[in-house]
Amino acid sequence: MADAFCTDCKKNTEVVFDHSAGDTVCSECGLVLESHSIDETSEWRTFANESGDNDPVRVGGPSNPLLTDGGLSTVIAKPNGVSGDFLSSSLGRWQNRGSNPDRGLILAFKTIATMSDRLGLVATIKDRANEIYKKVEDQKSTRGRNQDALLAACLYIACRQEDKPRTVKEICSVANGATKKEIGRAKEYIVKQLEAEKGQSVEMGTIHAGDFMRRFCSNLGMTNQVVKAAQEAVQKSEEFDIRRSPVSIAAAVIYIITQLSDEKKLLRGLNIHHHII
């Protein structure tokens, strides 16, 4: 732990660094003092002008051990000023003949990366989802199945295994049209395939209500004081045998805390039924 000035507590407090999320959090009030500490963006734009100029990026992408030759394949580009019949030339024919065998994987990894970015997930979760999809793909068991649901399910499993779970509904919101039911079926199918490969059960990680609390409270725009009360309440709830889903428990705690505070107006953004309480 280290000390830093908290604008909410108005004093220097001990802070905790969440390595998986890249957040620096005040240990007393729970305020996120700094988020996404590591900047993973490019040093400049990595796309060409609309006029068709060359791509300005100076280096290729990083090697990927999940792809053939680390994903560092050679592409024969069409030189400037060459006529459109370049692809019919000898070099063009060799380019087509040596088509990238990882084209499907690259497209899948790009889709996973897009979903991860939209959910604000860290790189370790994205990489784990890529690994899961690669294992299933190696078994030739993805053909004829809903690819959007499979990729979304890989991301859901990766979040669970990295102890940063997301609800199926959250995953569904970025899944290119795949439904919750389709993602659920795909998840069960992937787990079955992985268990067949390993010969043992797949560790999915345990979900706790507290895993969702900070994110749910942030989405509702709750104050740091109310967030801290909700976090303490959900920790206390783990001492009881509450046979409800972690998401339902988290929602119920938020409902109770907002009822006891001055933030009842936030309940409009909380989709919860009274029988959950």
Protein backbone atom coordinates (compact mmCIF):
# COMPACT_ATOMS: atom_id res chain seq x y z
CA MET A 1 0.00 0.00 0.00
CA ALA A 2 1.00 3.64 -0.50
CA ASP A 3 -0.33 7.03 0.50
CA ALA A 4 -2.04 9.53 -1.79
CA PHE A 5 -4.30 12.53 -1.40
CA CYS A 6 -7.98 11.62 -1.66
CA THR A 7 -10.19 14.43 -2.93
CA ASP A 8 -13.22 12.87 -1.26
CA CYS A 9 -11.66 12.31 2.18
CA LYS A 10 -9.74 15.62 1.90
CA LYS A 11 -6.58 14.03 3.29
CA ASN A 12 -3.76 11.61 2.55
CA THR A 13 -5.02 8.05 2.82
CA GLU A 14 -3.71 4.59 2.08
CA VAL A 15 -4.49 3.51 -1.46
CA VAL A 16 -4.75 0.06 -3.01
CA PHE A 17 -3.71 -0.65 -6.58
CA ASP A 18 -6.00 -3.05 -8.44
CA HIS A 19 -3.59 -4.62 -10.94
CA SER A 20 -6.27 -6.42 -12.95
CA ALA A 21 -8.29 -3.24 -13.52
CA GLY A 22 -5.43 -0.72 -13.43
CA ASP A 23 -7.22 1.32 -10.75
CA THR A 24 -5.79 3.16 -7.75
CA VAL A 25 -8.48 3.06 -5.04
CA CYS A 26 -8.75 4.90 -1.72
CA SER A 27 -8.89 2.29 1.06
CA GLU A 28 -11.16 4.45 3.23
CA CYS A 29 -13.94 5.67 0.93
CA GLY A 30 -13.48 3.47 -2.15
CA LEU A 31 -12.98 6.40 -4.54
CA VAL A 32 -11.07 5.48 -7.71
CA LEU A 33 -8.24 8.03 -7.69
CA GLU A 34 -6.71 6.88 -10.95
CA SER A 35 -7.95 4.40 -13.53
CA HIS A 36 -6.31 2.55 -16.41
CA SER A 37 -2.85 3.49 -15.20
CA ILE A 38 -1.15 1.76 -18.11
CA ASP A 39 -1.79 3.46 -21.44
CA GLU A 40 -1.97 0.69 -24.05
CA THR A 41 -2.91 2.97 -26.96
CA SER A 42 -0.69 3.56 -29.98
CA GLU A 43 1.82 6.40 -29.91
CA TRP A 44 0.09 7.82 -33.00
CA ARG A 45 -2.78 6.90 -35.27
CA THR A 46 -2.37 3.55 -37.02
CA PHE A 47 -4.52 4.11 -40.10
CA ALA A 48 -3.88 5.73 -43.44
CA ASN A 49 -5.49 8.84 -44.84
CA GLU A 50 -8.66 8.53 -46.87
CA SER A 51 -6.63 9.53 -49.91
CA GLY A 52 -5.09 6.07 -49.94
CA ASP A 53 -1.65 6.93 -48.57
CA ASN A 54 0.49 4.28 -46.95
CA ASP A 55 -0.25 3.20 -43.41
CA PRO A 56 1.87 5.51 -41.19
CA VAL A 57 2.54 2.91 -38.50
CA ARG A 58 6.28 2.16 -38.35
CA VAL A 59 6.16 -1.39 -37.01
CA GLY A 60 3.92 -4.40 -37.32
CA GLY A 61 1.72 -5.78 -34.58
CA PRO A 62 3.14 -7.80 -31.68
CA SER A 63 3.73 -11.50 -32.16
CA ASN A 64 0.86 -13.76 -31.16
CA PRO A 65 1.80 -17.29 -30.02
CA LEU A 66 -1.73 -18.45 -30.85
CA LEU A 67 -1.18 -17.79 -34.57
CA THR A 68 1.03 -19.58 -37.10
CA ASP A 69 4.56 -18.11 -37.11
CA GLY A 70 3.48 -15.85 -34.28
CA GLY A 71 1.20 -13.96 -36.64
CA LEU A 72 4.24 -12.31 -38.29
CA SER A 73 3.43 -13.43 -41.83
CA THR A 74 4.71 -11.73 -44.97
CA VAL A 75 2.29 -9.97 -47.31
CA ILE A 76 3.18 -9.02 -50.88
CA ALA A 77 1.81 -5.51 -51.28
CA LYS A 78 0.92 -3.86 -54.56
CA PRO A 79 3.52 -1.18 -55.38
CA ASN A 80 2.45 2.39 -56.03
CA GLY A 81 1.69 3.11 -59.67
CA VAL A 82 1.23 -0.55 -60.62
CA SER A 83 -1.80 -1.29 -62.77
CA GLY A 84 -4.79 -3.23 -61.49
CA ASP A 85 -3.65 -6.48 -63.13
CA PHE A 86 -1.03 -6.95 -60.40
CA LEU A 87 -2.93 -9.84 -58.82
CA SER A 88 -2.80 -11.72 -62.12
CA SER A 89 0.99 -11.56 -62.15
CA SER A 90 3.24 -14.25 -60.72
CA LEU A 91 3.65 -12.47 -57.39
CA GLY A 92 -0.08 -11.94 -57.15
CA ARG A 93 -0.79 -15.61 -57.78
CA TRP A 94 1.70 -16.64 -55.11
CA GLN A 95 0.07 -14.21 -52.69
CA ASN A 96 -3.36 -15.76 -53.26
CA ARG A 97 -1.99 -19.29 -53.17
CA GLY A 98 -0.34 -18.67 -49.82
CA SER A 99 -3.48 -17.37 -48.15
CA ASN A 100 -3.31 -16.86 -44.40
CA PRO A 101 -4.40 -20.06 -42.60
CA ASP A 102 -5.14 -18.01 -39.49
CA ARG A 103 -7.60 -15.67 -41.19
CA GLY A 104 -10.53 -17.05 -39.20
CA LEU A 105 -8.63 -16.81 -35.91
CA ILE A 106 -7.53 -13.25 -36.62
CA LEU A 107 -11.12 -12.22 -37.29
CA ALA A 108 -12.26 -13.97 -34.09
CA PHE A 109 -9.54 -12.27 -32.03
CA LYS A 110 -10.50 -8.87 -33.47
CA THR A 111 -14.12 -9.49 -32.50
CA ILE A 112 -13.08 -10.46 -28.96
CA ALA A 113 -10.89 -7.34 -28.75
CA THR A 114 -13.79 -5.14 -29.84
CA MET A 115 -16.13 -6.65 -27.24
CA SER A 116 -13.45 -6.31 -24.56
CA ASP A 117 -12.91 -2.65 -25.39
CA ARG A 118 -16.63 -1.92 -25.26
CA LEU A 119 -16.84 -3.51 -21.80
CA GLY A 120 -13.65 -1.83 -20.58
CA LEU A 121 -11.91 -5.14 -19.88
CA VAL A 122 -8.17 -5.44 -19.29
CA ALA A 123 -5.80 -7.18 -21.72
CA THR A 124 -5.41 -10.29 -19.54
CA ILE A 125 -9.11 -11.10 -19.93
CA LYS A 126 -8.97 -10.57 -23.70
CA ASP A 127 -5.91 -12.83 -23.96
CA ARG A 128 -7.60 -15.54 -21.88
CA ALA A 129 -10.68 -15.40 -24.14
CA ASN A 130 -8.41 -15.78 -27.18
CA GLU A 131 -6.77 -18.84 -25.62
CA ILE A 132 -10.14 -20.43 -24.87
CA TYR A 133 -11.39 -19.89 -28.41
CA LYS A 134 -8.13 -21.26 -29.88
CA LYS A 135 -8.49 -24.47 -27.85
CA VAL A 136 -12.04 -24.98 -29.07
CA GLU A 137 -11.04 -24.12 -32.64
CA ASP A 138 -8.19 -26.65 -32.55
CA GLN A 139 -10.76 -29.36 -31.85
CA LYS A 140 -12.57 -28.41 -35.08
CA SER A 141 -15.74 -28.05 -33.04
CA THR A 142 -16.74 -24.49 -33.97
CA ARG A 143 -18.08 -25.23 -37.43
CA GLY A 144 -21.79 -24.82 -37.89
CA ARG A 145 -22.20 -22.97 -34.61
CA ASN A 146 -23.16 -19.39 -33.85
CA GLN A 147 -19.78 -17.65 -33.91
CA ASP A 148 -21.02 -14.51 -32.17
CA ALA A 149 -22.39 -16.61 -29.30
CA LEU A 150 -19.19 -18.69 -29.09
CA LEU A 151 -16.94 -15.62 -28.93
CA ALA A 152 -19.17 -13.96 -26.35
CA ALA A 153 -19.17 -17.15 -24.27
CA CYS A 154 -15.35 -17.30 -24.43
CA LEU A 155 -15.25 -13.76 -23.07
CA TYR A 156 -17.74 -14.63 -20.32
CA ILE A 157 -15.65 -17.63 -19.23
CA ALA A 158 -12.45 -15.57 -19.36
CA CYS A 159 -13.99 -12.94 -17.07
CA ARG A 160 -14.96 -15.67 -14.60
CA GLN A 161 -11.52 -17.27 -14.65
CA GLU A 162 -9.76 -13.92 -14.18
CA ASP A 163 -11.98 -13.12 -11.15
CA LYS A 164 -13.60 -10.16 -12.95
CA PRO A 165 -17.01 -11.65 -13.74
CA ARG A 166 -19.55 -9.95 -15.96
CA THR A 167 -23.21 -10.86 -16.14
CA VAL A 168 -24.50 -12.65 -19.23
CA LYS A 169 -26.63 -9.57 -19.87
CA GLU A 170 -23.53 -7.36 -19.94
CA ILE A 171 -21.78 -9.74 -22.34
CA CYS A 172 -24.94 -9.92 -24.46
CA SER A 173 -24.93 -6.13 -24.88
CA VAL A 174 -21.74 -6.34 -27.00
CA ALA A 175 -22.30 -9.75 -28.61
CA ASN A 176 -23.38 -8.63 -32.10
CA GLY A 177 -26.94 -9.86 -31.75
CA ALA A 178 -26.36 -13.13 -29.87
CA THR A 179 -29.06 -13.69 -27.24
CA LYS A 180 -28.56 -14.58 -23.59
CA LYS A 181 -29.93 -18.06 -24.30
CA GLU A 182 -27.51 -18.59 -27.20
CA ILE A 183 -24.56 -17.39 -25.14
CA GLY A 184 -25.59 -19.67 -22.27
CA ARG A 185 -25.74 -22.68 -24.58
CA ALA A 186 -22.40 -21.76 -26.14
CA LYS A 187 -20.84 -21.46 -22.69
CA GLU A 188 -22.01 -24.94 -21.71
CA TYR A 189 -20.72 -26.33 -25.01
CA ILE A 190 -17.29 -24.71 -24.62
CA VAL A 191 -16.93 -25.95 -21.04
CA LYS A 192 -17.83 -29.46 -22.22
CA GLN A 193 -15.20 -29.30 -24.99
CA LEU A 194 -12.51 -28.02 -22.62
CA GLU A 195 -13.30 -30.70 -20.07
CA ALA A 196 -13.06 -33.37 -22.78
CA GLU A 197 -9.65 -32.02 -23.79
CA LYS A 198 -8.24 -31.79 -20.25
CA GLY A 199 -9.99 -34.84 -18.85
CA GLN A 200 -11.02 -32.85 -15.80
CA SER A 201 -13.49 -30.17 -14.77
CA VAL A 202 -12.85 -26.58 -15.85
CA GLU A 203 -12.28 -24.09 -13.04
CA MET A 204 -14.69 -21.21 -13.53
CA GLY A 205 -14.10 -19.26 -10.35
CA THR A 206 -16.66 -18.39 -7.69
CA ILE A 207 -18.90 -15.38 -8.21
CA HIS A 208 -19.63 -13.13 -5.23
CA ALA A 209 -22.10 -10.28 -4.99
CA GLY A 210 -19.23 -7.95 -4.19
CA ASP A 211 -17.75 -8.59 -7.63
CA PHE A 212 -20.52 -6.51 -9.18
CA MET A 213 -21.04 -3.90 -6.48
CA ARG A 214 -18.60 -1.15 -7.47
CA ARG A 215 -19.54 -1.35 -11.16
CA PHE A 216 -23.29 -1.37 -10.51
CA CYS A 217 -23.00 1.60 -8.13
CA SER A 218 -20.87 3.49 -10.64
CA ASN A 219 -23.43 2.89 -13.40
CA LEU A 220 -26.12 4.35 -11.14
CA GLY A 221 -24.03 7.44 -10.34
CA MET A 222 -24.06 6.82 -6.58
CA THR A 223 -21.92 8.95 -4.27
CA ASN A 224 -18.77 7.51 -2.72
CA GLN A 225 -20.35 7.49 0.75
CA VAL A 226 -23.29 5.39 -0.44
CA VAL A 227 -20.98 3.11 -2.43
CA LYS A 228 -18.90 2.46 0.69
CA ALA A 229 -22.06 1.62 2.67
CA ALA A 230 -23.21 -0.76 -0.07
CA GLN A 231 -19.83 -2.51 -0.15
CA GLU A 232 -19.86 -2.98 3.62
CA ALA A 233 -23.42 -4.30 3.48
CA VAL A 234 -22.67 -6.82 0.75
CA GLN A 235 -19.63 -8.07 2.71
CA LYS A 236 -21.86 -8.54 5.74
CA SER A 237 -24.41 -10.44 3.63
CA GLU A 238 -21.83 -13.15 2.91
CA GLU A 239 -22.10 -14.25 6.55
CA PHE A 240 -25.67 -15.39 5.93
CA ASP A 241 -26.97 -18.33 3.91
CA ILE A 242 -28.74 -16.33 1.20
CA ARG A 243 -29.73 -18.66 -1.59
CA ARG A 244 -29.98 -16.10 -4.35
CA SER A 245 -27.77 -15.34 -7.32
CA PRO A 246 -24.89 -12.91 -6.63
CA VAL A 247 -26.43 -10.42 -9.07
CA SER A 248 -29.74 -10.51 -7.20
CA ILE A 249 -27.99 -10.03 -3.85
CA ALA A 250 -26.01 -7.07 -5.19
CA ALA A 251 -29.18 -5.49 -6.57
CA ALA A 252 -31.03 -6.07 -3.30
CA VAL A 253 -28.23 -4.46 -1.26
CA ILE A 254 -28.22 -1.41 -3.54
CA TYR A 255 -32.00 -1.18 -3.23
CA ILE A 256 -31.87 -1.27 0.58
CA ILE A 257 -29.01 1.24 0.83
CA THR A 258 -30.71 3.70 -1.52
CA GLN A 259 -33.95 3.36 0.47
CA LEU A 260 -32.06 4.34 3.61
CA SER A 261 -30.25 7.23 1.91
CA ASP A 262 -31.32 10.29 -0.05
CA GLU A 263 -30.73 8.63 -3.42
CA LYS A 264 -34.10 6.96 -4.00
CA LYS A 265 -34.25 8.58 -7.43
CA LEU A 266 -31.51 6.19 -8.55
CA LEU A 267 -33.91 3.27 -8.26
CA ARG A 268 -35.28 4.11 -11.68
CA GLY A 269 -32.06 2.69 -13.10
CA LEU A 270 -32.20 -0.44 -10.96
CA ASN A 271 -34.11 -3.30 -12.59
CA ILE A 272 -35.17 -5.25 -9.50
CA HIS A 273 -38.27 -7.06 -8.31
CA HIS A 274 -39.47 -6.72 -4.73
CA HIS A 275 -39.59 -10.51 -4.22
CA ILE A 276 -35.76 -10.57 -4.43
CA ILE A 277 -35.46 -8.61 -1.18
